[in-house]
Protein backbone atom coordinates (compact mmCIF):
# COMPACT_ATOMS: atom_id res chain seq x y z
CA MET A 1 0.00 0.00 0.00
CA ALA A 2 1.44 3.41 -0.96
CA LEU A 3 2.05 5.77 1.93
CA LEU A 4 -0.40 8.37 0.58
CA ALA A 5 -3.15 5.78 0.29
CA LEU A 6 -2.35 4.58 3.80
CA ALA A 7 -2.61 8.15 5.07
CA LEU A 8 -6.04 8.61 3.52
CA ILE A 9 -7.33 5.39 5.07
CA LEU A 10 -5.96 6.27 8.48
CA LEU A 11 -7.33 9.78 8.42
CA GLN A 12 -10.79 8.45 7.57
CA THR A 13 -10.81 6.07 10.53
CA GLN A 14 -13.17 7.20 13.29
CA ALA A 15 -12.35 7.01 17.00
CA PRO A 16 -13.35 8.91 20.14
CA HIS A 17 -9.75 9.78 21.11
CA THR A 18 -9.29 12.58 18.59
CA SER A 19 -5.99 13.87 19.94
CA LEU A 20 -4.61 10.40 20.58
CA ARG A 21 -5.70 9.30 17.14
CA ALA A 22 -3.97 12.27 15.55
CA GLN A 23 -0.77 11.46 17.44
CA VAL A 24 -0.90 7.79 16.46
CA VAL A 25 -1.57 8.59 12.80
CA ALA A 26 1.22 11.18 12.76
CA ARG A 27 3.65 8.62 14.20
CA ILE A 28 2.60 5.99 11.66
CA LEU A 29 3.12 8.41 8.80
CA GLN A 30 6.75 8.85 9.84
CA THR A 31 7.39 5.27 8.72
CA THR A 32 7.73 3.70 5.29
CA ALA A 33 5.23 0.96 6.13
CA ARG A 34 2.98 -0.48 3.43
CA GLY A 35 0.32 -0.92 6.07
CA VAL A 36 -0.27 -0.51 9.80
CA GLY A 37 -3.10 -1.75 11.98
CA VAL A 38 -3.74 -0.53 15.53
CA TYR A 39 -6.45 -1.75 17.90
CA TYR A 40 -6.86 -0.44 21.45
CA ARG A 41 -9.66 -1.16 23.91
CA ASP A 42 -10.00 -0.21 27.56
CA LEU A 43 -11.38 -3.29 29.32
CA THR A 44 -13.04 -1.22 32.04
CA THR A 45 -14.83 1.46 30.01
CA GLY A 46 -14.95 -0.21 26.60
CA ASP A 47 -13.45 2.93 25.09
CA SER A 48 -11.51 2.13 21.94
CA LEU A 49 -9.24 3.45 19.24
CA THR A 50 -8.92 1.78 15.85
CA VAL A 51 -6.56 2.78 13.08
CA GLY A 52 -6.55 0.43 10.12
CA SER A 53 -7.70 -2.31 12.50
CA ASP A 54 -9.46 -4.32 9.78
CA GLY A 55 -6.45 -4.35 7.46
CA ARG A 56 -5.31 -7.90 6.77
CA PHE A 57 -1.73 -9.01 7.43
CA HIS A 58 0.23 -12.23 7.32
CA ALA A 59 -0.23 -13.40 10.91
CA ALA A 60 3.34 -14.66 11.41
CA SER A 61 3.66 -16.02 14.94
CA THR A 62 0.60 -14.25 16.33
CA MET A 63 -1.38 -17.27 15.05
CA LYS A 64 0.11 -19.12 18.00
CA ILE A 65 -2.41 -17.37 20.28
CA PRO A 66 -5.49 -19.20 18.90
CA VAL A 67 -3.52 -22.47 18.90
CA MET A 68 -2.82 -22.00 22.61
CA ILE A 69 -6.45 -21.15 23.33
CA GLN A 70 -7.60 -24.34 21.61
CA LEU A 71 -5.19 -26.45 23.65
CA PHE A 72 -6.45 -25.01 26.92
CA ARG A 73 -10.08 -25.45 25.86
CA ASP A 74 -9.30 -29.07 25.07
CA ARG A 75 -7.81 -29.43 28.54
CA ASP A 76 -10.97 -27.94 30.03
CA ALA A 77 -13.04 -30.45 28.05
CA GLY A 78 -10.94 -33.38 29.29
CA LEU A 79 -9.60 -34.14 25.81
CA LEU A 80 -5.98 -33.82 26.90
CA SER A 81 -3.71 -33.11 29.82
CA LEU A 82 -0.91 -30.60 29.63
CA ASP A 83 1.27 -33.37 31.03
CA ASP A 84 0.57 -35.57 28.01
CA SER A 85 3.64 -35.89 25.82
CA ILE A 86 4.32 -35.76 22.09
CA ILE A 87 7.23 -37.30 20.19
CA VAL A 88 9.40 -34.51 18.82
CA THR A 89 9.66 -34.89 15.06
CA ASN A 90 10.62 -32.53 12.26
CA THR A 91 8.48 -33.92 9.47
CA PHE A 92 5.14 -32.32 8.67
CA ARG A 93 2.57 -32.45 5.87
CA SER A 94 1.90 -29.59 3.47
CA LEU A 95 -1.59 -28.14 3.40
CA VAL A 96 -1.42 -28.21 -0.41
CA ASP A 97 -0.81 -31.89 -1.16
CA SER A 98 0.23 -33.57 2.10
CA SER A 99 3.81 -33.84 0.86
CA PRO A 100 6.40 -33.88 3.67
CA TYR A 101 8.45 -30.85 4.61
CA GLN A 102 10.81 -29.97 7.41
CA LEU A 103 11.63 -26.84 9.37
CA ASP A 104 15.04 -25.21 9.12
CA VAL A 105 16.55 -24.68 12.55
CA THR A 106 18.30 -21.52 11.29
CA ASP A 107 14.89 -19.95 10.57
CA ASP A 108 13.53 -20.74 14.02
CA SER A 109 13.89 -18.40 16.99
CA ASP A 110 14.53 -21.40 19.26
CA SER A 111 16.94 -24.24 18.53
CA SER A 112 16.65 -26.22 21.76
CA LEU A 113 13.84 -28.52 20.63
CA TYR A 114 15.74 -29.70 17.54
CA LYS A 115 18.26 -31.37 19.85
CA ARG A 116 15.48 -33.63 21.15
CA LEU A 117 14.23 -35.24 17.94
CA GLY A 118 12.84 -38.69 18.69
CA GLN A 119 12.34 -37.84 22.37
CA ARG A 120 9.09 -36.83 24.06
CA ALA A 121 8.07 -33.35 25.25
CA SER A 122 5.02 -32.46 27.30
CA ILE A 123 2.26 -30.31 25.86
CA ARG A 124 2.87 -27.90 28.73
CA GLU A 125 6.51 -27.47 27.72
CA LEU A 126 5.64 -27.13 24.03
CA ILE A 127 3.11 -24.38 24.73
CA GLU A 128 5.71 -22.52 26.78
CA LEU A 129 8.22 -22.76 23.93
CA MET A 130 5.62 -21.79 21.32
CA GLU A 131 4.61 -18.60 23.12
CA THR A 132 7.63 -17.36 25.05
CA VAL A 133 10.43 -18.03 22.54
CA SER A 134 8.15 -18.51 19.51
CA SER A 135 9.39 -22.00 18.66
CA ASN A 136 8.13 -22.96 15.22
CA LEU A 137 8.87 -26.63 15.82
CA ALA A 138 6.78 -26.66 19.01
CA THR A 139 4.02 -24.85 17.12
CA ASN A 140 3.82 -27.40 14.32
CA LEU A 141 3.76 -30.27 16.80
CA LEU A 142 0.87 -28.64 18.65
CA ILE A 143 -1.07 -27.76 15.49
CA ALA A 144 -0.85 -31.39 14.48
CA LYS A 145 -2.34 -32.21 17.89
CA VAL A 146 -5.33 -29.85 17.81
CA ASP A 147 -5.93 -29.26 14.06
CA ALA A 148 -5.69 -25.75 12.63
CA LYS A 149 -9.35 -25.83 11.56
CA ARG A 150 -10.50 -26.29 15.16
CA ALA A 151 -8.30 -23.44 16.40
CA ASN A 152 -9.66 -21.24 13.62
CA ALA A 153 -13.29 -22.07 14.47
CA THR A 154 -12.70 -21.33 18.15
CA ALA A 155 -11.11 -17.96 17.33
CA HIS A 156 -14.13 -17.05 15.21
CA ALA A 157 -16.49 -18.05 18.03
CA LEU A 158 -14.59 -15.70 20.36
CA GLY A 159 -15.16 -12.74 18.05
CA ALA A 160 -11.99 -12.91 15.93
CA ASP A 161 -14.26 -13.61 13.02
CA SER A 162 -11.90 -12.85 10.15
CA ILE A 163 -8.69 -14.48 11.38
CA LEU A 164 -7.46 -17.40 9.26
CA VAL A 165 -5.48 -20.18 10.93
CA LEU A 166 -4.89 -22.57 8.06
CA ARG A 167 -1.62 -24.36 8.62
CA GLY A 168 1.64 -24.83 10.41
CA VAL A 169 4.77 -22.75 10.03
CA GLU A 170 7.18 -22.86 7.05
CA ASP A 171 4.87 -24.77 4.72
CA GLY A 172 6.57 -23.46 1.57
CA LYS A 173 4.11 -24.95 -0.92
CA ALA A 174 1.16 -23.40 0.91
CA TYR A 175 2.94 -20.06 1.12
CA ARG A 176 3.59 -20.02 -2.62
CA ALA A 177 -0.04 -20.96 -3.21
CA GLY A 178 -1.20 -18.00 -1.10
CA LEU A 179 -2.57 -20.24 1.66
CA ASN A 180 -1.35 -18.21 4.60
CA ASN A 181 -2.38 -17.59 8.17
CA THR A 182 -3.73 -14.04 8.24
CA THR A 183 -5.15 -11.71 10.84
CA THR A 184 -6.27 -8.18 11.58
CA ALA A 185 -5.45 -6.05 14.60
CA ARG A 186 -9.07 -6.31 15.68
CA ASP A 187 -8.98 -10.13 15.55
CA LEU A 188 -6.00 -10.33 17.87
CA GLY A 189 -7.48 -7.68 20.14
CA MET A 190 -10.63 -9.77 20.53
CA LEU A 191 -8.61 -12.85 21.46
CA LEU A 192 -6.44 -11.00 24.00
CA ALA A 193 -9.55 -9.44 25.53
CA ALA A 194 -11.20 -12.86 25.82
CA ILE A 195 -8.17 -14.24 27.64
CA ALA A 196 -7.95 -11.18 29.91
CA ASN A 197 -11.69 -11.33 30.67
CA GLY A 198 -11.56 -15.04 31.45
CA THR A 199 -13.90 -16.05 28.61
CA ALA A 200 -11.49 -17.62 26.11
CA ALA A 201 -11.53 -20.81 28.17
CA SER A 202 -12.17 -21.60 31.85
CA ALA A 203 -11.11 -18.90 34.31
CA GLY A 204 -8.21 -21.08 35.47
CA SER A 205 -7.04 -21.75 31.93
CA CYS A 206 -7.17 -18.05 31.12
CA ARG A 207 -5.00 -17.29 34.14
CA ASP A 208 -2.55 -19.96 32.98
CA MET A 209 -2.46 -18.47 29.47
CA LEU A 210 -1.79 -15.00 30.86
CA ALA A 211 1.06 -16.36 32.96
CA ILE A 212 2.63 -17.86 29.84
CA LEU A 213 2.21 -14.66 27.82
CA GLY A 214 3.74 -12.76 30.72
CA ARG A 215 6.96 -14.72 30.25
CA GLN A 216 7.47 -13.49 26.66
CA HIS A 217 11.16 -13.16 25.78
CA PHE A 218 10.83 -10.62 22.95
CA ASN A 219 10.02 -7.25 24.47
CA GLU A 220 11.32 -4.70 21.95
CA GLY A 221 7.87 -3.47 20.91
CA ILE A 222 4.88 -2.62 23.12
CA PRO A 223 6.64 -3.32 26.47
CA ALA A 224 9.45 -0.90 25.61
CA GLY A 225 6.97 1.99 25.64
CA LEU A 226 5.65 1.23 29.12
CA PRO A 227 6.90 2.38 32.54
CA ALA A 228 8.58 0.02 34.98
CA GLY A 229 6.14 -2.04 37.01
CA THR A 230 3.57 -2.37 34.25
CA ARG A 231 2.45 -5.95 33.77
CA ILE A 232 2.22 -7.04 30.15
CA TYR A 233 1.06 -10.27 28.57
CA HIS A 234 1.81 -10.42 24.87
CA LYS A 235 2.80 -12.30 21.73
CA THR A 236 5.02 -11.00 18.97
CA GLY A 237 5.34 -12.19 15.40
CA TRP A 238 7.67 -11.24 12.59
CA ILE A 239 8.88 -12.15 9.14
CA GLY A 240 11.92 -10.07 8.24
CA GLN A 241 11.06 -7.04 6.06
CA VAL A 242 7.51 -8.39 5.63
CA VAL A 243 5.72 -7.96 8.95
CA TYR A 244 6.34 -7.17 12.61
CA HIS A 245 3.47 -7.51 15.09
CA ASP A 246 2.88 -7.19 18.81
CA ALA A 247 -0.43 -8.07 20.50
CA ALA A 248 -0.78 -7.36 24.21
CA PHE A 249 -2.92 -7.18 27.29
CA VAL A 250 -1.50 -4.36 29.42
CA GLN A 251 -2.20 -4.17 33.16
CA PRO A 252 -0.85 -0.89 34.55
CA GLN A 253 0.43 -0.95 38.10
CA GLY A 254 -2.24 -0.03 40.63
CA GLY A 255 -5.03 0.90 38.24
CA GLY A 256 -8.04 -0.70 36.58
CA ARG A 257 -8.44 -3.85 34.55
CA GLY A 258 -6.09 -2.54 31.90
CA TYR A 259 -6.43 -2.60 28.15
CA VAL A 260 -5.56 -4.52 25.02
CA LEU A 261 -3.31 -3.03 22.39
CA VAL A 262 -2.34 -4.57 19.06
CA VAL A 263 0.13 -3.04 16.60
CA LEU A 264 0.57 -4.75 13.22
CA THR A 265 3.04 -3.51 10.63
CA GLY A 266 3.85 -4.49 7.07
CA GLY A 267 6.77 -3.59 4.84
CA ILE A 268 9.05 -1.79 7.30
CA GLN A 269 12.54 -2.68 6.11
CA LYS A 270 14.46 -2.34 9.38
CA ASP A 271 13.51 -4.35 12.47
CA ASP A 272 14.54 -1.48 14.75
CA ASP A 273 12.13 0.87 12.94
CA ALA A 274 9.24 -1.58 13.34
CA HIS A 275 10.06 -2.05 17.02
CA ALA A 276 10.22 1.72 17.48
CA LEU A 277 6.79 2.22 15.94
CA ALA A 278 5.18 -0.33 18.28
CA ARG A 279 7.07 1.17 21.23
CA ASP A 280 6.00 4.73 20.43
CA VAL A 281 2.35 3.83 19.81
CA SER A 282 2.41 1.94 23.10
CA LYS A 283 3.69 5.00 24.95
CA LEU A 284 1.10 7.27 23.33
CA VAL A 285 -1.72 4.90 24.29
CA PHE A 286 -0.47 4.42 27.83
CA ASP A 287 -0.13 8.16 28.43
CA ALA A 288 -3.66 8.75 27.13
CA TRP A 289 -5.02 5.87 29.20
CA ARG A 290 -3.41 7.22 32.36
CA LYS A 291 -4.94 10.68 31.80
CA ARG A 292 -8.45 9.44 31.00
């Protein structure tokens, strides 16, 4: 999307926070992004700000949120235990024709699981690796366990009604065929709100999911714009020079139920620039939230 076209779309977006919206749009227009999506919602008042929140992006690793939700819902239903184990393998089936493919350890943000091929790992451990260090191998093992279609249907039922969870990670044939996991900022905001509100699964499972998201290792985006002591539960996702995303539930120290904030970006060439945009939008939103 050309920057001028992006500007027109952003400036047409309606939101109650006029000054905050102007600041967010101005900050976005300082980038060379092809597209940006921002979704903010105060979980106490319901007040919201949306800027390009229905724009569709490659989901990258943010699709690991609905996979986690499905696993915890299956635990609630007695279909599995988090202590159940799965044999670690690196052979998966393409969505296109069921042909086998493997993940490349050099393209994964975590290498530890590749050293355990042929051994067993618990579902609990795999979820931790999938969310906190964004292990692609753990993700594909878990998607094979729950089925992407089921995770997608659950996300839609929770209000993320346009998200597409189609397949595992690094399915090259599917990627070339345009069969990609996609999302909008609004979709991810709905899922984070459901977890924060205790409705994505049982109350206990939602608390467990928040605890996992609170142990996120990659904190260059939304957390970097927040003051010390702020509790944040979030999932990042990135594909170099294609997308960088951060989706969060933010719980400010000593005040209210907090808010959800999602920042999706496409086409920013430098990782540091994408991180800086998420960081700056996060700071703008937090400052406005604190003054409300």
